[in-house]
């Protein structure tokens, strides 16, 4: 599995975000991701919001049917909600963290490894996990060069 070692990190401060929540099938994830990130970043640019990070997908719930996913734009400061774009935060505190190397279709293996590491090391999941997309497929066409940071909040 192409990933860095899993480690426990502490995120020192909450990250303000603007996000769009969608309920969707796994088959619709990539298309919806593109639509939502386009809407978020277009709105952010038009509204003059200070963007403070890479695009993020937070997986509120997953299952064999529909998933609930937040498509997230990190901000330097809080902003107003706007229609389907909601204000929120990525939490501070302890997380299980790894960097996934490669195509998105093998991210489930990295997430499964992190979840197993959490159980093996006596931790408990403290909230929905998220993925931060370090490389853009539009700018880096070879999936072997893609990097995704994966965060699983831990109970303190």
C-alpha atoms as a PDB file:
ATOM      1  CA  UNK A   1       0.000   0.000   0.000  1.00  0.00           C
ATOM      2  CA  UNK A   2       1.497   3.349  -1.008  1.00  0.00           C
ATOM      3  CA  UNK A   3       1.409   5.481   2.138  1.00  0.00           C
ATOM      4  CA  UNK A   4       3.619   7.029   4.760  1.00  0.00           C
ATOM      5  CA  UNK A   5       3.814   5.654   8.276  1.00  0.00           C
ATOM      6  CA  UNK A   6       0.710   6.315  10.341  1.00  0.00           C
ATOM      7  CA  UNK A   7       1.348   8.671  13.231  1.00  0.00           C
ATOM      8  CA  UNK A   8      -0.540  10.424  15.992  1.00  0.00           C
ATOM      9  CA  UNK A   9      -0.398  14.207  15.576  1.00  0.00           C
ATOM     10  CA  UNK A  10      -2.032  17.061  17.457  1.00  0.00           C
ATOM     11  CA  UNK A  11      -3.647  19.815  15.419  1.00  0.00           C
ATOM     12  CA  UNK A  12      -3.117  22.937  17.504  1.00  0.00           C
ATOM     13  CA  UNK A  13      -6.064  25.038  16.319  1.00  0.00           C
ATOM     14  CA  UNK A  14      -9.408  24.682  14.623  1.00  0.00           C
ATOM     15  CA  UNK A  15      -9.442  25.431  10.898  1.00  0.00           C
ATOM     16  CA  UNK A  16     -12.314  27.677   9.714  1.00  0.00           C
ATOM     17  CA  UNK A  17     -13.976  26.222   6.621  1.00  0.00           C
ATOM     18  CA  UNK A  18     -16.755  26.818   4.149  1.00  0.00           C
ATOM     19  CA  UNK A  19     -18.318  23.572   2.942  1.00  0.00           C
ATOM     20  CA  UNK A  20     -21.053  22.024   0.829  1.00  0.00           C
ATOM     21  CA  UNK A  21     -22.630  18.825   2.193  1.00  0.00           C
ATOM     22  CA  UNK A  22     -23.953  16.270  -0.261  1.00  0.00           C
ATOM     23  CA  UNK A  23     -25.586  12.866   0.084  1.00  0.00           C
ATOM     24  CA  UNK A  24     -24.414  10.725  -2.834  1.00  0.00           C
ATOM     25  CA  UNK A  25     -23.403   7.308  -4.101  1.00  0.00           C
ATOM     26  CA  UNK A  26     -19.730   6.401  -4.351  1.00  0.00           C
ATOM     27  CA  UNK A  27     -20.135   6.367  -8.150  1.00  0.00           C
ATOM     28  CA  UNK A  28     -21.035  10.093  -8.033  1.00  0.00           C
ATOM     29  CA  UNK A  29     -18.156  11.114  -5.733  1.00  0.00           C
ATOM     30  CA  UNK A  30     -15.641  12.386  -8.318  1.00  0.00           C
ATOM     31  CA  UNK A  31     -18.220  14.304 -10.379  1.00  0.00           C
ATOM     32  CA  UNK A  32     -19.786  15.873  -7.290  1.00  0.00           C
ATOM     33  CA  UNK A  33     -16.367  16.701  -5.873  1.00  0.00           C
ATOM     34  CA  UNK A  34     -15.500  18.680  -9.015  1.00  0.00           C
ATOM     35  CA  UNK A  35     -18.815  20.532  -8.970  1.00  0.00           C
ATOM     36  CA  UNK A  36     -18.627  21.432  -5.283  1.00  0.00           C
ATOM     37  CA  UNK A  37     -14.967  22.481  -5.269  1.00  0.00           C
ATOM     38  CA  UNK A  38     -15.634  24.622  -8.349  1.00  0.00           C
ATOM     39  CA  UNK A  39     -18.570  26.314  -6.602  1.00  0.00           C
ATOM     40  CA  UNK A  40     -16.686  26.816  -3.324  1.00  0.00           C
ATOM     41  CA  UNK A  41     -13.499  28.207  -4.821  1.00  0.00           C
ATOM     42  CA  UNK A  42     -15.432  30.337  -7.333  1.00  0.00           C
ATOM     43  CA  UNK A  43     -17.479  31.814  -4.477  1.00  0.00           C
ATOM     44  CA  UNK A  44     -14.367  32.303  -2.342  1.00  0.00           C
ATOM     45  CA  UNK A  45     -12.589  34.179  -5.082  1.00  0.00           C
ATOM     46  CA  UNK A  46     -15.627  36.336  -5.942  1.00  0.00           C
ATOM     47  CA  UNK A  47     -16.258  37.149  -2.267  1.00  0.00           C
ATOM     48  CA  UNK A  48     -12.595  37.937  -1.566  1.00  0.00           C
ATOM     49  CA  UNK A  49     -12.270  35.213   1.058  1.00  0.00           C
ATOM     50  CA  UNK A  50      -8.731  34.365   2.173  1.00  0.00           C
ATOM     51  CA  UNK A  51      -8.325  30.695   1.265  1.00  0.00           C
ATOM     52  CA  UNK A  52      -6.005  28.967   3.719  1.00  0.00           C
ATOM     53  CA  UNK A  53      -5.406  25.504   2.419  1.00  0.00           C
ATOM     54  CA  UNK A  54      -5.997  22.726  -0.029  1.00  0.00           C
ATOM     55  CA  UNK A  55      -9.374  21.219  -0.998  1.00  0.00           C
ATOM     56  CA  UNK A  56     -10.702  18.752   1.577  1.00  0.00           C
ATOM     57  CA  UNK A  57     -13.367  16.050   1.576  1.00  0.00           C
ATOM     58  CA  UNK A  58     -14.769  15.139   5.017  1.00  0.00           C
ATOM     59  CA  UNK A  59     -16.597  11.820   5.159  1.00  0.00           C
ATOM     60  CA  UNK A  60     -19.479  12.346   7.588  1.00  0.00           C
ATOM     61  CA  UNK A  61     -20.943   8.904   6.910  1.00  0.00           C
ATOM     62  CA  UNK A  62     -20.194   6.095   4.483  1.00  0.00           C
ATOM     63  CA  UNK A  63     -21.877   2.835   3.810  1.00  0.00           C
ATOM     64  CA  UNK A  64     -22.854   0.373   1.137  1.00  0.00           C
ATOM     65  CA  UNK A  65     -25.464   2.787  -0.245  1.00  0.00           C
ATOM     66  CA  UNK A  66     -25.297   6.545   0.086  1.00  0.00           C
ATOM     67  CA  UNK A  67     -22.486   8.570   1.614  1.00  0.00           C
ATOM     68  CA  UNK A  68     -22.647  11.986   3.295  1.00  0.00           C
ATOM     69  CA  UNK A  69     -19.618  14.047   2.304  1.00  0.00           C
ATOM     70  CA  UNK A  70     -18.601  17.633   3.061  1.00  0.00           C
ATOM     71  CA  UNK A  71     -16.612  19.281   0.279  1.00  0.00           C
ATOM     72  CA  UNK A  72     -14.460  21.833   2.083  1.00  0.00           C
ATOM     73  CA  UNK A  73     -12.568  25.045   1.374  1.00  0.00           C
ATOM     74  CA  UNK A  74     -10.247  25.987   4.295  1.00  0.00           C
ATOM     75  CA  UNK A  75     -10.315  29.697   5.188  1.00  0.00           C
ATOM     76  CA  UNK A  76      -7.978  32.058   7.026  1.00  0.00           C
ATOM     77  CA  UNK A  77     -10.945  33.405   9.042  1.00  0.00           C
ATOM     78  CA  UNK A  78     -14.624  32.644   9.558  1.00  0.00           C
ATOM     79  CA  UNK A  79     -17.045  33.728   6.853  1.00  0.00           C
ATOM     80  CA  UNK A  80     -20.800  33.895   6.428  1.00  0.00           C
ATOM     81  CA  UNK A  81     -22.745  30.867   5.262  1.00  0.00           C
ATOM     82  CA  UNK A  82     -24.170  31.444   1.794  1.00  0.00           C
ATOM     83  CA  UNK A  83     -26.999  29.256   0.512  1.00  0.00           C
ATOM     84  CA  UNK A  84     -25.798  25.664   0.442  1.00  0.00           C
ATOM     85  CA  UNK A  85     -22.307  26.794   1.508  1.00  0.00           C
ATOM     86  CA  UNK A  86     -22.073  26.377   5.272  1.00  0.00           C
ATOM     87  CA  UNK A  87     -19.552  27.775   7.722  1.00  0.00           C
ATOM     88  CA  UNK A  88     -17.812  25.335  10.069  1.00  0.00           C
ATOM     89  CA  UNK A  89     -14.430  24.153  11.352  1.00  0.00           C
ATOM     90  CA  UNK A  90     -12.087  21.232  11.074  1.00  0.00           C
ATOM     91  CA  UNK A  91     -11.380  20.385  14.710  1.00  0.00           C
ATOM     92  CA  UNK A  92      -8.194  20.819  16.658  1.00  0.00           C
ATOM     93  CA  UNK A  93      -6.825  18.007  18.787  1.00  0.00           C
ATOM     94  CA  UNK A  94      -5.323  14.571  18.253  1.00  0.00           C
ATOM     95  CA  UNK A  95      -5.557  12.811  14.889  1.00  0.00           C
ATOM     96  CA  UNK A  96      -4.229   9.685  13.260  1.00  0.00           C
ATOM     97  CA  UNK A  97      -2.409  10.910  10.156  1.00  0.00           C
ATOM     98  CA  UNK A  98      -0.806   9.451   7.045  1.00  0.00           C
ATOM     99  CA  UNK A  99       0.064  10.592   3.544  1.00  0.00           C
ATOM    100  CA  UNK A 100      -1.400   8.488   0.737  1.00  0.00           C
ATOM    101  CA  UNK A 101       0.783   8.247  -2.384  1.00  0.00           C
ATOM    102  CA  UNK A 102      -0.963   7.486  -5.660  1.00  0.00           C
ATOM    103  CA  UNK A 103      -4.375   7.275  -7.258  1.00  0.00           C
ATOM    104  CA  UNK A 104      -7.560   8.043  -5.376  1.00  0.00           C
ATOM    105  CA  UNK A 105      -9.041   4.608  -6.081  1.00  0.00           C
ATOM    106  CA  UNK A 106      -6.686   3.080  -3.479  1.00  0.00           C
ATOM    107  CA  UNK A 107      -7.455   5.640  -0.744  1.00  0.00           C
ATOM    108  CA  UNK A 108      -9.847   3.146   0.845  1.00  0.00           C
ATOM    109  CA  UNK A 109      -6.826   0.932   1.632  1.00  0.00           C
ATOM    110  CA  UNK A 110      -5.053   3.815   3.392  1.00  0.00           C
ATOM    111  CA  UNK A 111      -8.200   4.653   5.360  1.00  0.00           C
ATOM    112  CA  UNK A 112      -8.644   1.005   6.357  1.00  0.00           C
ATOM    113  CA  UNK A 113      -5.017   0.859   7.530  1.00  0.00           C
ATOM    114  CA  UNK A 114      -5.482   4.001   9.626  1.00  0.00           C
ATOM    115  CA  UNK A 115      -8.693   2.671  11.150  1.00  0.00           C
ATOM    116  CA  UNK A 116      -6.926  -0.583  12.022  1.00  0.00           C
ATOM    117  CA  UNK A 117      -3.991   1.366  13.520  1.00  0.00           C
ATOM    118  CA  UNK A 118      -6.439   3.334  15.692  1.00  0.00           C
ATOM    119  CA  UNK A 119      -7.951   0.121  17.097  1.00  0.00           C
ATOM    120  CA  UNK A 120      -4.607  -1.655  17.498  1.00  0.00           C
ATOM    121  CA  UNK A 121      -3.155   1.280  19.436  1.00  0.00           C
ATOM    122  CA  UNK A 122      -6.104   1.612  21.812  1.00  0.00           C
ATOM    123  CA  UNK A 123      -7.490   4.884  20.447  1.00  0.00           C
ATOM    124  CA  UNK A 124     -11.090   5.679  19.509  1.00  0.00           C
ATOM    125  CA  UNK A 125     -12.352   7.651  16.538  1.00  0.00           C
ATOM    126  CA  UNK A 126     -13.391  11.160  17.585  1.00  0.00           C
ATOM    127  CA  UNK A 127     -15.217  12.394  14.483  1.00  0.00           C
ATOM    128  CA  UNK A 128     -15.492  12.150  10.713  1.00  0.00           C
ATOM    129  CA  UNK A 129     -12.196  11.608   8.873  1.00  0.00           C
ATOM    130  CA  UNK A 130     -11.071  13.919   6.104  1.00  0.00           C
ATOM    131  CA  UNK A 131      -8.708  13.936   3.149  1.00  0.00           C
ATOM    132  CA  UNK A 132      -6.701  16.960   2.014  1.00  0.00           C
ATOM    133  CA  UNK A 133      -5.753  16.821  -1.681  1.00  0.00           C
ATOM    134  CA  UNK A 134      -2.130  17.992  -1.877  1.00  0.00           C
ATOM    135  CA  UNK A 135      -1.703  17.536  -5.627  1.00  0.00           C
ATOM    136  CA  UNK A 136      -4.192  18.412  -8.333  1.00  0.00           C
ATOM    137  CA  UNK A 137      -4.784  15.861 -11.094  1.00  0.00           C
ATOM    138  CA  UNK A 138      -5.106  18.817 -13.496  1.00  0.00           C
ATOM    139  CA  UNK A 139      -1.592  19.981 -12.669  1.00  0.00           C
ATOM    140  CA  UNK A 140      -0.058  16.536 -12.005  1.00  0.00           C
ATOM    141  CA  UNK A 141      -1.529  14.080 -14.533  1.00  0.00           C
ATOM    142  CA  UNK A 142       0.364  10.951 -13.397  1.00  0.00           C
ATOM    143  CA  UNK A 143      -1.577   9.358 -10.482  1.00  0.00           C
ATOM    144  CA  UNK A 144       1.674   7.853  -9.168  1.00  0.00           C
ATOM    145  CA  UNK A 145       2.689  11.414  -8.216  1.00  0.00           C
ATOM    146  CA  UNK A 146      -0.541  12.314  -6.370  1.00  0.00           C
ATOM    147  CA  UNK A 147      -0.387  12.976  -2.615  1.00  0.00           C
ATOM    148  CA  UNK A 148      -3.348  13.030  -0.233  1.00  0.00           C
ATOM    149  CA  UNK A 149      -3.111  13.782   3.489  1.00  0.00           C
ATOM    150  CA  UNK A 150      -5.542  11.647   5.503  1.00  0.00           C
ATOM    151  CA  UNK A 151      -6.744  12.703   8.970  1.00  0.00           C
ATOM    152  CA  UNK A 152      -8.797  10.670  11.460  1.00  0.00           C
ATOM    153  CA  UNK A 153      -9.778  12.641  14.601  1.00  0.00           C
ATOM    154  CA  UNK A 154      -9.131  10.771  17.843  1.00  0.00           C
ATOM    155  CA  UNK A 155     -10.971  11.049  21.141  1.00  0.00           C
ATOM    156  CA  UNK A 156      -8.773  12.840  23.659  1.00  0.00           C
END
